[in-house]
Amino acid sequence: MRREDGHRGADGDHDAESVESVLDELYTTPPSDFVPRRTEHAAAARAAGRGEDARRIRAARRPTLAAWAANLLTRFRPEECRRFLDLGQALREAYRTLDADGLKELSAQRRSVVSALSRQAAELADEAGHRLSEAARREVESTLQAVLADPDSAARWAGGHLENALTPPSEFPSGTVPAEPAPRERPSRPIAPPPGRAKDELAERRRKRQEELTRAEQAARQARDRRAEHADADASLRRTGDELHRAREEMSAAEQRLRQARQELERAEREQRESEERERAAAHALDRAEREARAAAQKVNRLAGRAKSGPIE
């Protein structure tokens, strides 16, 4: 199981521990929030000058709903998970040694423990706001069966960073040891391949299945990434469309204000011209009135002078 105490080692491994903590958080984050949280953590690491950490964080792939629920178990039910891993080790050992009694007893435990852990995973997912469908619960159970049957699957699940549900190998025991044929039915000469060859063939089949599973997981990751990128692009496009709409509204309002300002300027200039014309007209009228007043005064003065001198004989 991965470390739960959050301890930081020496300065040399502080960053590595920090990245593991980030990944622990990401793989127990609901899948719908995985991509934005990954982006935030990668940006923070890049801003802190930790380029390799940012690369590792960006490389994390969003888990399926069933894989996320299985990861929740390793994070929030560590003791139950440790006991489950011990059960898987004991079950595989019983199968290898063909311990029929031990295999039957452990297989009975397997069924009850798988059922109990899958219920806990569903409860943890429900508490986080995501109810598991029946199909997702079956995938969780398939993952737990794989953990019991296969040590590699057990190690992957214990790391808490599953991206996809796991599939148990077809050779996993059903609870009983395969019976040997009765003596009367046993052929005089063996028809099965030599043990070494049988093991090689079994290993080859497992290798091919693992390669097929790896290719399928890679294809599923790529499909999920494309869907996530498409969703991010759609969201970005919507945001850009909203910003463009707001910008157009602001430009329209600015153009309206500009037209109003021009109209007010034209009105002010027209009023100024009219005022200047009235001022010039008033100045002309004043000048004319002054001239007329001076002429009238001169005439009065002449008439007054004549009156004083009297009539001429």
C-alpha atoms as a PDB file:
ATOM      1  CA  MET A   1       0.000   0.000   0.000  1.00  0.00           C
ATOM      2  CA  ARG A   2       1.155   3.561  -0.611  1.00  0.00           C
ATOM      3  CA  ARG A   3       2.154   5.806   2.290  1.00  0.00           C
ATOM      4  CA  GLU A   4      -0.678   7.572   4.083  1.00  0.00           C
ATOM      5  CA  ASP A   5       1.247   9.736   6.571  1.00  0.00           C
ATOM      6  CA  GLY A   6       2.229  12.410   4.028  1.00  0.00           C
ATOM      7  CA  HIS A   7       5.815  12.400   5.421  1.00  0.00           C
ATOM      8  CA  ARG A   8       8.373  14.392   3.499  1.00  0.00           C
ATOM      9  CA  GLY A   9      11.867  13.046   3.259  1.00  0.00           C
ATOM     10  CA  ALA A  10      15.097  14.938   2.732  1.00  0.00           C
ATOM     11  CA  ASP A  11      15.255  17.917   0.460  1.00  0.00           C
ATOM     12  CA  GLY A  12      16.371  15.684  -2.391  1.00  0.00           C
ATOM     13  CA  ASP A  13      13.086  13.754  -2.516  1.00  0.00           C
ATOM     14  CA  HIS A  14      10.718  16.506  -1.432  1.00  0.00           C
ATOM     15  CA  ASP A  15       9.544  17.249  -4.970  1.00  0.00           C
ATOM     16  CA  ALA A  16       8.990  13.564  -5.776  1.00  0.00           C
ATOM     17  CA  GLU A  17       6.863  13.189  -2.642  1.00  0.00           C
ATOM     18  CA  SER A  18       4.972  16.328  -3.620  1.00  0.00           C
ATOM     19  CA  VAL A  19       4.188  14.921  -7.054  1.00  0.00           C
ATOM     20  CA  GLU A  20       2.988  11.646  -5.522  1.00  0.00           C
ATOM     21  CA  SER A  21       0.713  13.601  -3.217  1.00  0.00           C
ATOM     22  CA  VAL A  22      -0.687  15.505  -6.179  1.00  0.00           C
ATOM     23  CA  LEU A  23      -1.305  12.254  -8.067  1.00  0.00           C
ATOM     24  CA  ASP A  24      -2.935  10.721  -4.987  1.00  0.00           C
ATOM     25  CA  GLU A  25      -5.308  13.663  -4.894  1.00  0.00           C
ATOM     26  CA  LEU A  26      -6.003  13.597  -8.639  1.00  0.00           C
ATOM     27  CA  TYR A  27      -6.863   9.899  -8.760  1.00  0.00           C
ATOM     28  CA  THR A  28      -9.345  10.285  -5.906  1.00  0.00           C
ATOM     29  CA  THR A  29     -10.850  13.420  -7.459  1.00  0.00           C
ATOM     30  CA  PRO A  30     -14.194  12.776  -9.212  1.00  0.00           C
ATOM     31  CA  PRO A  31     -13.507  12.174 -12.929  1.00  0.00           C
ATOM     32  CA  SER A  32     -15.609  15.190 -13.907  1.00  0.00           C
ATOM     33  CA  ASP A  33     -13.180  17.470 -11.997  1.00  0.00           C
ATOM     34  CA  PHE A  34      -9.990  15.628 -12.969  1.00  0.00           C
ATOM     35  CA  VAL A  35      -8.913  17.680 -16.005  1.00  0.00           C
ATOM     36  CA  PRO A  36      -9.265  21.186 -14.442  1.00  0.00           C
ATOM     37  CA  ARG A  37      -7.511  20.044 -11.236  1.00  0.00           C
ATOM     38  CA  ARG A  38      -4.696  18.470 -13.290  1.00  0.00           C
ATOM     39  CA  THR A  39      -4.315  21.736 -15.210  1.00  0.00           C
ATOM     40  CA  GLU A  40      -4.132  23.753 -11.957  1.00  0.00           C
ATOM     41  CA  HIS A  41      -1.485  21.472 -10.388  1.00  0.00           C
ATOM     42  CA  ALA A  42       0.628  21.359 -13.566  1.00  0.00           C
ATOM     43  CA  ALA A  43       0.523  25.147 -13.857  1.00  0.00           C
ATOM     44  CA  ALA A  44       1.527  25.516 -10.185  1.00  0.00           C
ATOM     45  CA  ALA A  45       4.473  23.143 -10.618  1.00  0.00           C
ATOM     46  CA  ARG A  46       5.566  24.937 -13.792  1.00  0.00           C
ATOM     47  CA  ALA A  47       5.311  28.330 -12.075  1.00  0.00           C
ATOM     48  CA  ALA A  48       7.491  26.968  -9.244  1.00  0.00           C
ATOM     49  CA  GLY A  49      10.169  25.998 -11.767  1.00  0.00           C
ATOM     50  CA  ARG A  50       9.514  22.236 -11.460  1.00  0.00           C
ATOM     51  CA  GLY A  51       9.206  21.394 -15.148  1.00  0.00           C
ATOM     52  CA  GLU A  52       9.631  17.620 -14.747  1.00  0.00           C
ATOM     53  CA  ASP A  53       6.942  17.551 -12.055  1.00  0.00           C
ATOM     54  CA  ALA A  54       4.627  19.508 -14.333  1.00  0.00           C
ATOM     55  CA  ARG A  55       5.269  16.988 -17.116  1.00  0.00           C
ATOM     56  CA  ARG A  56       4.440  14.039 -14.844  1.00  0.00           C
ATOM     57  CA  ILE A  57       1.261  15.718 -13.687  1.00  0.00           C
ATOM     58  CA  ARG A  58       0.172  16.526 -17.242  1.00  0.00           C
ATOM     59  CA  ALA A  59       0.807  12.876 -18.205  1.00  0.00           C
ATOM     60  CA  ALA A  60      -1.776  11.666 -15.671  1.00  0.00           C
ATOM     61  CA  ARG A  61      -4.883  10.301 -17.385  1.00  0.00           C
ATOM     62  CA  ARG A  62      -8.426  10.707 -16.112  1.00  0.00           C
ATOM     63  CA  PRO A  63      -9.740   7.463 -14.534  1.00  0.00           C
ATOM     64  CA  THR A  64     -13.015   5.817 -15.406  1.00  0.00           C
ATOM     65  CA  LEU A  65     -15.763   5.991 -12.800  1.00  0.00           C
ATOM     66  CA  ALA A  66     -15.131   2.381 -11.711  1.00  0.00           C
ATOM     67  CA  ALA A  67     -11.330   2.895 -11.508  1.00  0.00           C
ATOM     68  CA  TRP A  68     -11.860   6.074  -9.483  1.00  0.00           C
ATOM     69  CA  ALA A  69     -14.135   4.218  -7.043  1.00  0.00           C
ATOM     70  CA  ALA A  70     -11.503   1.465  -6.678  1.00  0.00           C
ATOM     71  CA  ASN A  71      -8.872   4.160  -5.971  1.00  0.00           C
ATOM     72  CA  LEU A  72     -11.094   5.577  -3.227  1.00  0.00           C
ATOM     73  CA  LEU A  73     -10.777   2.282  -1.362  1.00  0.00           C
ATOM     74  CA  THR A  74      -6.968   2.475  -1.207  1.00  0.00           C
ATOM     75  CA  ARG A  75      -7.164   6.085  -0.006  1.00  0.00           C
ATOM     76  CA  PHE A  76      -9.947   5.851   2.567  1.00  0.00           C
ATOM     77  CA  ARG A  77     -10.061   2.148   3.536  1.00  0.00           C
ATOM     78  CA  PRO A  78      -6.327   1.297   3.880  1.00  0.00           C
ATOM     79  CA  GLU A  79      -6.683  -1.391   6.565  1.00  0.00           C
ATOM     80  CA  GLU A  80      -9.399  -3.285   4.679  1.00  0.00           C
ATOM     81  CA  CYS A  81      -7.275  -3.064   1.529  1.00  0.00           C
ATOM     82  CA  ARG A  82      -4.206  -4.466   3.283  1.00  0.00           C
ATOM     83  CA  ARG A  83      -6.212  -7.439   4.519  1.00  0.00           C
ATOM     84  CA  PHE A  84      -7.634  -7.904   1.027  1.00  0.00           C
ATOM     85  CA  LEU A  85      -4.147  -7.961  -0.488  1.00  0.00           C
ATOM     86  CA  ASP A  86      -3.085 -10.554   2.106  1.00  0.00           C
ATOM     87  CA  LEU A  87      -6.105 -12.667   1.171  1.00  0.00           C
ATOM     88  CA  GLY A  88      -5.134 -12.510  -2.497  1.00  0.00           C
ATOM     89  CA  GLN A  89      -1.575 -13.615  -1.722  1.00  0.00           C
ATOM     90  CA  ALA A  90      -2.849 -16.544   0.367  1.00  0.00           C
ATOM     91  CA  LEU A  91      -5.359 -17.519  -2.305  1.00  0.00           C
ATOM     92  CA  ARG A  92      -2.745 -17.537  -5.064  1.00  0.00           C
ATOM     93  CA  GLU A  93      -0.406 -19.607  -2.878  1.00  0.00           C
ATOM     94  CA  ALA A  94      -3.182 -22.133  -2.173  1.00  0.00           C
ATOM     95  CA  TYR A  95      -3.850 -22.452  -5.893  1.00  0.00           C
ATOM     96  CA  ARG A  96      -0.173 -22.934  -6.673  1.00  0.00           C
ATOM     97  CA  THR A  97       0.179 -25.671  -4.062  1.00  0.00           C
ATOM     98  CA  LEU A  98      -3.199 -27.239  -4.957  1.00  0.00           C
ATOM     99  CA  ASP A  99      -4.321 -26.968  -1.326  1.00  0.00           C
ATOM    100  CA  ALA A 100      -7.973 -27.957  -1.874  1.00  0.00           C
ATOM    101  CA  ASP A 101      -9.190 -27.276   1.684  1.00  0.00           C
ATOM    102  CA  GLY A 102      -7.402 -23.969   1.911  1.00  0.00           C
ATOM    103  CA  LEU A 103      -8.607 -22.980  -1.538  1.00  0.00           C
ATOM    104  CA  LYS A 104     -12.255 -23.653  -0.706  1.00  0.00           C
ATOM    105  CA  GLU A 105     -12.044 -21.688   2.553  1.00  0.00           C
ATOM    106  CA  LEU A 106     -10.223 -18.764   0.984  1.00  0.00           C
ATOM    107  CA  SER A 107     -12.561 -18.694  -2.026  1.00  0.00           C
ATOM    108  CA  ALA A 108     -15.542 -18.387   0.283  1.00  0.00           C
ATOM    109  CA  GLN A 109     -13.822 -15.434   1.953  1.00  0.00           C
ATOM    110  CA  ARG A 110     -13.069 -14.009  -1.467  1.00  0.00           C
ATOM    111  CA  ARG A 111     -16.713 -13.814  -2.469  1.00  0.00           C
ATOM    112  CA  SER A 112     -17.816 -12.137   0.754  1.00  0.00           C
ATOM    113  CA  VAL A 113     -14.874  -9.714   0.890  1.00  0.00           C
ATOM    114  CA  VAL A 114     -15.223  -8.704  -2.776  1.00  0.00           C
ATOM    115  CA  SER A 115     -18.898  -8.032  -2.229  1.00  0.00           C
ATOM    116  CA  ALA A 116     -18.226  -6.015   0.951  1.00  0.00           C
ATOM    117  CA  LEU A 117     -15.438  -3.939  -0.608  1.00  0.00           C
ATOM    118  CA  SER A 118     -17.446  -3.209  -3.752  1.00  0.00           C
ATOM    119  CA  ARG A 119     -20.284  -1.928  -1.529  1.00  0.00           C
ATOM    120  CA  GLN A 120     -17.820   0.301   0.325  1.00  0.00           C
ATOM    121  CA  ALA A 121     -16.507   1.647  -2.970  1.00  0.00           C
ATOM    122  CA  ALA A 122     -20.065   2.454  -4.060  1.00  0.00           C
ATOM    123  CA  GLU A 123     -20.725   4.188  -0.720  1.00  0.00           C
ATOM    124  CA  LEU A 124     -17.531   6.272  -1.003  1.00  0.00           C
ATOM    125  CA  ALA A 125     -18.440   7.271  -4.554  1.00  0.00           C
ATOM    126  CA  ASP A 126     -21.967   8.170  -3.457  1.00  0.00           C
ATOM    127  CA  GLU A 127     -20.594  10.316  -0.629  1.00  0.00           C
ATOM    128  CA  ALA A 128     -18.463  12.127  -3.205  1.00  0.00           C
ATOM    129  CA  GLY A 129     -21.592  12.885  -5.234  1.00  0.00           C
ATOM    130  CA  HIS A 130     -21.362  10.169  -7.919  1.00  0.00           C
ATOM    131  CA  ARG A 131     -23.672   7.177  -7.702  1.00  0.00           C
ATOM    132  CA  LEU A 132     -22.210   4.095  -9.395  1.00  0.00           C
ATOM    133  CA  SER A 133     -24.288   2.391 -12.043  1.00  0.00           C
ATOM    134  CA  GLU A 134     -24.734  -1.369 -12.000  1.00  0.00           C
ATOM    135  CA  ALA A 135     -22.196  -1.652 -14.828  1.00  0.00           C
ATOM    136  CA  ALA A 136     -19.645   0.430 -12.890  1.00  0.00           C
ATOM    137  CA  ARG A 137     -20.141  -1.736  -9.777  1.00  0.00           C
ATOM    138  CA  ARG A 138     -19.482  -4.852 -11.854  1.00  0.00           C
ATOM    139  CA  GLU A 139     -16.268  -3.238 -13.083  1.00  0.00           C
ATOM    140  CA  VAL A 140     -15.241  -2.553  -9.481  1.00  0.00           C
ATOM    141  CA  GLU A 141     -15.876  -6.198  -8.622  1.00  0.00           C
ATOM    142  CA  SER A 142     -13.889  -7.274 -11.693  1.00  0.00           C
ATOM    143  CA  THR A 143     -11.001  -5.084 -10.520  1.00  0.00           C
ATOM    144  CA  LEU A 144     -11.078  -6.642  -7.041  1.00  0.00           C
ATOM    145  CA  GLN A 145     -11.162 -10.143  -8.551  1.00  0.00           C
ATOM    146  CA  ALA A 146      -8.103  -9.245 -10.637  1.00  0.00           C
ATOM    147  CA  VAL A 147      -6.309  -7.974  -7.519  1.00  0.00           C
ATOM    148  CA  LEU A 148      -6.842 -11.344  -5.835  1.00  0.00           C
ATOM    149  CA  ALA A 149      -5.766 -13.359  -8.868  1.00  0.00           C
ATOM    150  CA  ASP A 150      -2.819 -11.433 -10.260  1.00  0.00           C
ATOM    151  CA  PRO A 151       0.106  -9.932  -8.297  1.00  0.00           C
ATOM    152  CA  ASP A 152       0.713  -7.276 -10.965  1.00  0.00           C
ATOM    153  CA  SER A 153      -2.909  -6.140 -10.730  1.00  0.00           C
ATOM    154  CA  ALA A 154      -2.585  -6.128  -6.942  1.00  0.00           C
ATOM    155  CA  ALA A 155       0.456  -3.848  -7.149  1.00  0.00           C
ATOM    156  CA  ARG A 156      -1.270  -1.479  -9.575  1.00  0.00           C
ATOM    157  CA  TRP A 157      -4.377  -1.203  -7.391  1.00  0.00           C
ATOM    158  CA  ALA A 158      -2.311  -0.746  -4.216  1.00  0.00           C
ATOM    159  CA  GLY A 159      -0.636   2.261  -5.857  1.00  0.00           C
ATOM    160  CA  GLY A 160      -4.017   4.025  -5.949  1.00  0.00           C
ATOM    161  CA  HIS A 161      -3.578   5.430  -9.469  1.00  0.00           C
ATOM    162  CA  LEU A 162      -5.785   3.151 -11.560  1.00  0.00           C
ATOM    163  CA  GLU A 163      -7.031   4.675 -14.817  1.00  0.00           C
ATOM    164  CA  ASN A 164      -9.189   1.736 -15.943  1.00  0.00           C
ATOM    165  CA  ALA A 165     -10.938  -1.208 -14.361  1.00  0.00           C
ATOM    166  CA  LEU A 166      -8.864  -4.401 -14.207  1.00  0.00           C
ATOM    167  CA  THR A 167      -9.825  -7.796 -15.639  1.00  0.00           C
ATOM    168  CA  PRO A 168      -8.977 -11.029 -13.787  1.00  0.00           C
ATOM    169  CA  PRO A 169      -7.123 -13.748 -15.715  1.00  0.00           C
ATOM    170  CA  SER A 170      -9.228 -16.606 -17.008  1.00  0.00           C
ATOM    171  CA  GLU A 171      -7.037 -19.146 -15.133  1.00  0.00           C
ATOM    172  CA  PHE A 172      -8.114 -17.777 -11.749  1.00  0.00           C
ATOM    173  CA  PRO A 173      -9.565 -20.618  -9.560  1.00  0.00           C
ATOM    174  CA  SER A 174     -13.286 -20.767  -9.011  1.00  0.00           C
ATOM    175  CA  GLY A 175     -12.928 -22.265  -5.543  1.00  0.00           C
ATOM    176  CA  THR A 176     -12.010 -25.847  -6.225  1.00  0.00           C
ATOM    177  CA  VAL A 177      -8.817 -27.557  -7.289  1.00  0.00           C
ATOM    178  CA  PRO A 178      -9.033 -29.044 -10.789  1.00  0.00           C
ATOM    179  CA  ALA A 179      -9.649 -32.770 -10.338  1.00  0.00           C
ATOM    180  CA  GLU A 180      -7.313 -35.264 -11.878  1.00  0.00           C
ATOM    181  CA  PRO A 181      -8.861 -37.974 -14.087  1.00  0.00           C
ATOM    182  CA  ALA A 182      -9.771 -41.236 -12.327  1.00  0.00           C
ATOM    183  CA  PRO A 183      -7.156 -43.997 -12.581  1.00  0.00           C
ATOM    184  CA  ARG A 184      -9.321 -46.016 -14.945  1.00  0.00           C
ATOM    185  CA  GLU A 185      -9.640 -43.002 -17.260  1.00  0.00           C
ATOM    186  CA  ARG A 186      -5.994 -42.000 -17.160  1.00  0.00           C
ATOM    187  CA  PRO A 187      -4.209 -42.885 -20.400  1.00  0.00           C
ATOM    188  CA  SER A 188      -1.213 -45.106 -20.289  1.00  0.00           C
ATOM    189  CA  ARG A 189       0.947 -42.328 -21.696  1.00  0.00           C
ATOM    190  CA  PRO A 190       0.629 -38.615 -20.890  1.00  0.00           C
ATOM    191  CA  ILE A 191      -0.979 -36.530 -23.578  1.00  0.00           C
ATOM    192  CA  ALA A 192      -0.406 -33.192 -21.923  1.00  0.00           C
ATOM    193  CA  PRO A 193       2.633 -31.179 -22.949  1.00  0.00           C
ATOM    194  CA  PRO A 194       5.666 -31.242 -20.660  1.00  0.00           C
ATOM    195  CA  PRO A 195       5.346 -28.968 -17.605  1.00  0.00           C
ATOM    196  CA  GLY A 196       7.985 -26.576 -18.865  1.00  0.00           C
ATOM    197  CA  ARG A 197       6.299 -26.208 -22.220  1.00  0.00           C
ATOM    198  CA  ALA A 198       2.858 -25.789 -20.611  1.00  0.00           C
ATOM    199  CA  LYS A 199       4.220 -23.018 -18.411  1.00  0.00           C
ATOM    200  CA  ASP A 200       5.796 -21.352 -21.421  1.00  0.00           C
ATOM    201  CA  GLU A 201       2.522 -21.507 -23.345  1.00  0.00           C
ATOM    202  CA  LEU A 202       0.616 -20.153 -20.345  1.00  0.00           C
ATOM    203  CA  ALA A 203       3.133 -17.348 -19.947  1.00  0.00           C
ATOM    204  CA  GLU A 204       2.867 -16.544 -23.652  1.00  0.00           C
ATOM    205  CA  ARG A 205      -0.948 -16.433 -23.484  1.00  0.00           C
ATOM    206  CA  ARG A 206      -0.755 -14.160 -20.457  1.00  0.00           C
ATOM    207  CA  ARG A 207       1.759 -11.921 -22.240  1.00  0.00           C
ATOM    208  CA  LYS A 208      -0.487 -11.614 -25.272  1.00  0.00           C
ATOM    209  CA  ARG A 209      -3.524 -10.890 -23.115  1.00  0.00           C
ATOM    210  CA  GLN A 210      -1.544  -8.278 -21.228  1.00  0.00           C
ATOM    211  CA  GLU A 211      -0.458  -6.678 -24.511  1.00  0.00           C
ATOM    212  CA  GLU A 212      -4.062  -6.638 -25.724  1.00  0.00           C
ATOM    213  CA  LEU A 213      -5.186  -5.169 -22.410  1.00  0.00           C
ATOM    214  CA  THR A 214      -2.450  -2.531 -22.590  1.00  0.00           C
ATOM    215  CA  ARG A 215      -3.454  -1.577 -26.133  1.00  0.00           C
ATOM    216  CA  ALA A 216      -7.107  -1.418 -25.101  1.00  0.00           C
ATOM    217  CA  GLU A 217      -6.234   0.746 -22.090  1.00  0.00           C
ATOM    218  CA  GLN A 218      -4.157   3.066 -24.278  1.00  0.00           C
ATOM    219  CA  ALA A 219      -7.002   3.347 -26.779  1.00  0.00           C
ATOM    220  CA  ALA A 220      -9.453   4.039 -23.953  1.00  0.00           C
ATOM    221  CA  ARG A 221      -7.122   6.698 -22.500  1.00  0.00           C
ATOM    222  CA  GLN A 222      -6.743   8.346 -25.872  1.00  0.00           C
ATOM    223  CA  ALA A 223     -10.510   8.326 -26.364  1.00  0.00           C
ATOM    224  CA  ARG A 224     -11.041   9.823 -22.900  1.00  0.00           C
ATOM    225  CA  ASP A 225      -8.375  12.441 -23.559  1.00  0.00           C
ATOM    226  CA  ARG A 226      -9.954  13.346 -26.886  1.00  0.00           C
ATOM    227  CA  ARG A 227     -13.361  13.653 -25.240  1.00  0.00           C
ATOM    228  CA  ALA A 228     -11.861  15.790 -22.469  1.00  0.00           C
ATOM    229  CA  GLU A 229      -9.998  17.960 -24.981  1.00  0.00           C
ATOM    230  CA  HIS A 230     -13.164  18.278 -27.046  1.00  0.00           C
ATOM    231  CA  ALA A 231     -15.116  19.302 -23.941  1.00  0.00           C
ATOM    232  CA  ASP A 232     -12.382  21.830 -23.029  1.00  0.00           C
ATOM    233  CA  ALA A 233     -12.409  23.189 -26.590  1.00  0.00           C
ATOM    234  CA  ASP A 234     -16.204  23.507 -26.511  1.00  0.00           C
ATOM    235  CA  ALA A 235     -16.053  25.342 -23.196  1.00  0.00           C
ATOM    236  CA  SER A 236     -13.302  27.627 -24.507  1.00  0.00           C
ATOM    237  CA  LEU A 237     -15.314  28.267 -27.677  1.00  0.00           C
ATOM    238  CA  ARG A 238     -18.378  29.161 -25.628  1.00  0.00           C
ATOM    239  CA  ARG A 239     -16.327  31.515 -23.462  1.00  0.00           C
ATOM    240  CA  THR A 240     -14.804  33.119 -26.562  1.00  0.00           C
ATOM    241  CA  GLY A 241     -18.273  33.498 -28.108  1.00  0.00           C
ATOM    242  CA  ASP A 242     -19.559  35.163 -24.933  1.00  0.00           C
ATOM    243  CA  GLU A 243     -16.570  37.518 -24.865  1.00  0.00           C
ATOM    244  CA  LEU A 244     -17.068  38.355 -28.553  1.00  0.00           C
ATOM    245  CA  HIS A 245     -20.745  39.086 -27.947  1.00  0.00           C
ATOM    246  CA  ARG A 246     -19.881  41.364 -25.022  1.00  0.00           C
ATOM    247  CA  ALA A 247     -17.192  43.106 -27.101  1.00  0.00           C
ATOM    248  CA  ARG A 248     -19.667  43.707 -29.914  1.00  0.00           C
ATOM    249  CA  GLU A 249     -22.214  45.122 -27.484  1.00  0.00           C
ATOM    250  CA  GLU A 250     -19.549  47.417 -26.009  1.00  0.00           C
ATOM    251  CA  MET A 251     -18.478  48.532 -29.497  1.00  0.00           C
ATOM    252  CA  SER A 252     -22.110  49.225 -30.434  1.00  0.00           C
ATOM    253  CA  ALA A 253     -22.588  51.274 -27.268  1.00  0.00           C
ATOM    254  CA  ALA A 254     -19.351  53.186 -27.939  1.00  0.00           C
ATOM    255  CA  GLU A 255     -20.445  53.933 -31.508  1.00  0.00           C
ATOM    256  CA  GLN A 256     -23.813  55.187 -30.199  1.00  0.00           C
ATOM    257  CA  ARG A 257     -22.028  57.468 -27.715  1.00  0.00           C
ATOM    258  CA  LEU A 258     -19.760  58.710 -30.508  1.00  0.00           C
ATOM    259  CA  ARG A 259     -22.769  59.578 -32.709  1.00  0.00           C
ATOM    260  CA  GLN A 260     -24.402  61.423 -29.815  1.00  0.00           C
ATOM    261  CA  ALA A 261     -21.181  63.321 -29.098  1.00  0.00           C
ATOM    262  CA  ARG A 262     -20.930  64.355 -32.760  1.00  0.00           C
ATOM    263  CA  GLN A 263     -24.547  65.503 -32.765  1.00  0.00           C
ATOM    264  CA  GLU A 264     -23.964  67.553 -29.609  1.00  0.00           C
ATOM    265  CA  LEU A 265     -20.795  69.037 -31.112  1.00  0.00           C
ATOM    266  CA  GLU A 266     -22.633  69.980 -34.302  1.00  0.00           C
ATOM    267  CA  ARG A 267     -25.451  71.532 -32.254  1.00  0.00           C
ATOM    268  CA  ALA A 268     -22.985  73.484 -30.126  1.00  0.00           C
ATOM    269  CA  GLU A 269     -21.135  74.709 -33.219  1.00  0.00           C
ATOM    270  CA  ARG A 270     -24.438  75.731 -34.807  1.00  0.00           C
ATOM    271  CA  GLU A 271     -25.507  77.599 -31.685  1.00  0.00           C
ATOM    272  CA  GLN A 272     -22.095  79.280 -31.559  1.00  0.00           C
ATOM    273  CA  ARG A 273     -22.422  80.418 -35.170  1.00  0.00           C
ATOM    274  CA  GLU A 274     -25.937  81.732 -34.505  1.00  0.00           C
ATOM    275  CA  SER A 275     -24.721  83.528 -31.385  1.00  0.00           C
ATOM    276  CA  GLU A 276     -21.851  85.081 -33.331  1.00  0.00           C
ATOM    277  CA  GLU A 277     -24.276  86.225 -36.056  1.00  0.00           C
ATOM    278  CA  ARG A 278     -26.598  87.787 -33.467  1.00  0.00           C
ATOM    279  CA  GLU A 279     -23.618  89.499 -31.866  1.00  0.00           C
ATOM    280  CA  ARG A 280     -22.507  90.927 -35.235  1.00  0.00           C
ATOM    281  CA  ALA A 281     -26.074  92.061 -36.015  1.00  0.00           C
ATOM    282  CA  ALA A 282     -26.341  93.726 -32.623  1.00  0.00           C
ATOM    283  CA  ALA A 283     -22.968  95.423 -33.140  1.00  0.00           C
ATOM    284  CA  HIS A 284     -24.101  96.737 -36.550  1.00  0.00           C
ATOM    285  CA  ALA A 285     -27.375  97.990 -35.082  1.00  0.00           C
ATOM    286  CA  LEU A 286     -25.501  99.692 -32.268  1.00  0.00           C
ATOM    287  CA  ASP A 287     -23.072 101.310 -34.655  1.00  0.00           C
ATOM    288  CA  ARG A 288     -25.921 102.553 -36.843  1.00  0.00           C
ATOM    289  CA  ALA A 289     -27.812 103.898 -33.852  1.00  0.00           C
ATOM    290  CA  GLU A 290     -24.698 105.732 -32.640  1.00  0.00           C
ATOM    291  CA  ARG A 291     -24.190 107.297 -36.088  1.00  0.00           C
ATOM    292  CA  GLU A 292     -27.812 108.331 -36.220  1.00  0.00           C
ATOM    293  CA  ALA A 293     -27.597 109.782 -32.721  1.00  0.00           C
ATOM    294  CA  ARG A 294     -24.496 111.808 -33.627  1.00  0.00           C
ATOM    295  CA  ALA A 295     -26.176 113.099 -36.791  1.00  0.00           C
ATOM    296  CA  ALA A 296     -29.254 114.080 -34.838  1.00  0.00           C
ATOM    297  CA  ALA A 297     -27.109 115.843 -32.242  1.00  0.00           C
ATOM    298  CA  GLN A 298     -25.260 117.755 -34.919  1.00  0.00           C
ATOM    299  CA  LYS A 299     -28.552 118.820 -36.496  1.00  0.00           C
ATOM    300  CA  VAL A 300     -29.872 119.947 -33.129  1.00  0.00           C
ATOM    301  CA  ASN A 301     -26.732 121.955 -32.558  1.00  0.00           C
ATOM    302  CA  ARG A 302     -27.041 123.686 -35.943  1.00  0.00           C
ATOM    303  CA  LEU A 303     -30.670 124.545 -35.350  1.00  0.00           C
ATOM    304  CA  ALA A 304     -29.845 125.852 -31.911  1.00  0.00           C
ATOM    305  CA  GLY A 305     -27.089 128.065 -33.305  1.00  0.00           C
ATOM    306  CA  ARG A 306     -29.419 129.563 -35.859  1.00  0.00           C
ATOM    307  CA  ALA A 307     -31.992 130.271 -33.215  1.00  0.00           C
ATOM    308  CA  LYS A 308     -29.480 132.309 -31.148  1.00  0.00           C
ATOM    309  CA  SER A 309     -28.280 134.441 -34.037  1.00  0.00           C
ATOM    310  CA  GLY A 310     -31.791 135.572 -34.970  1.00  0.00           C
ATOM    311  CA  PRO A 311     -33.142 136.466 -38.410  1.00  0.00           C
ATOM    312  CA  ILE A 312     -30.883 138.252 -40.811  1.00  0.00           C
ATOM    313  CA  GLU A 313     -32.149 141.676 -42.268  1.00  0.00           C
END
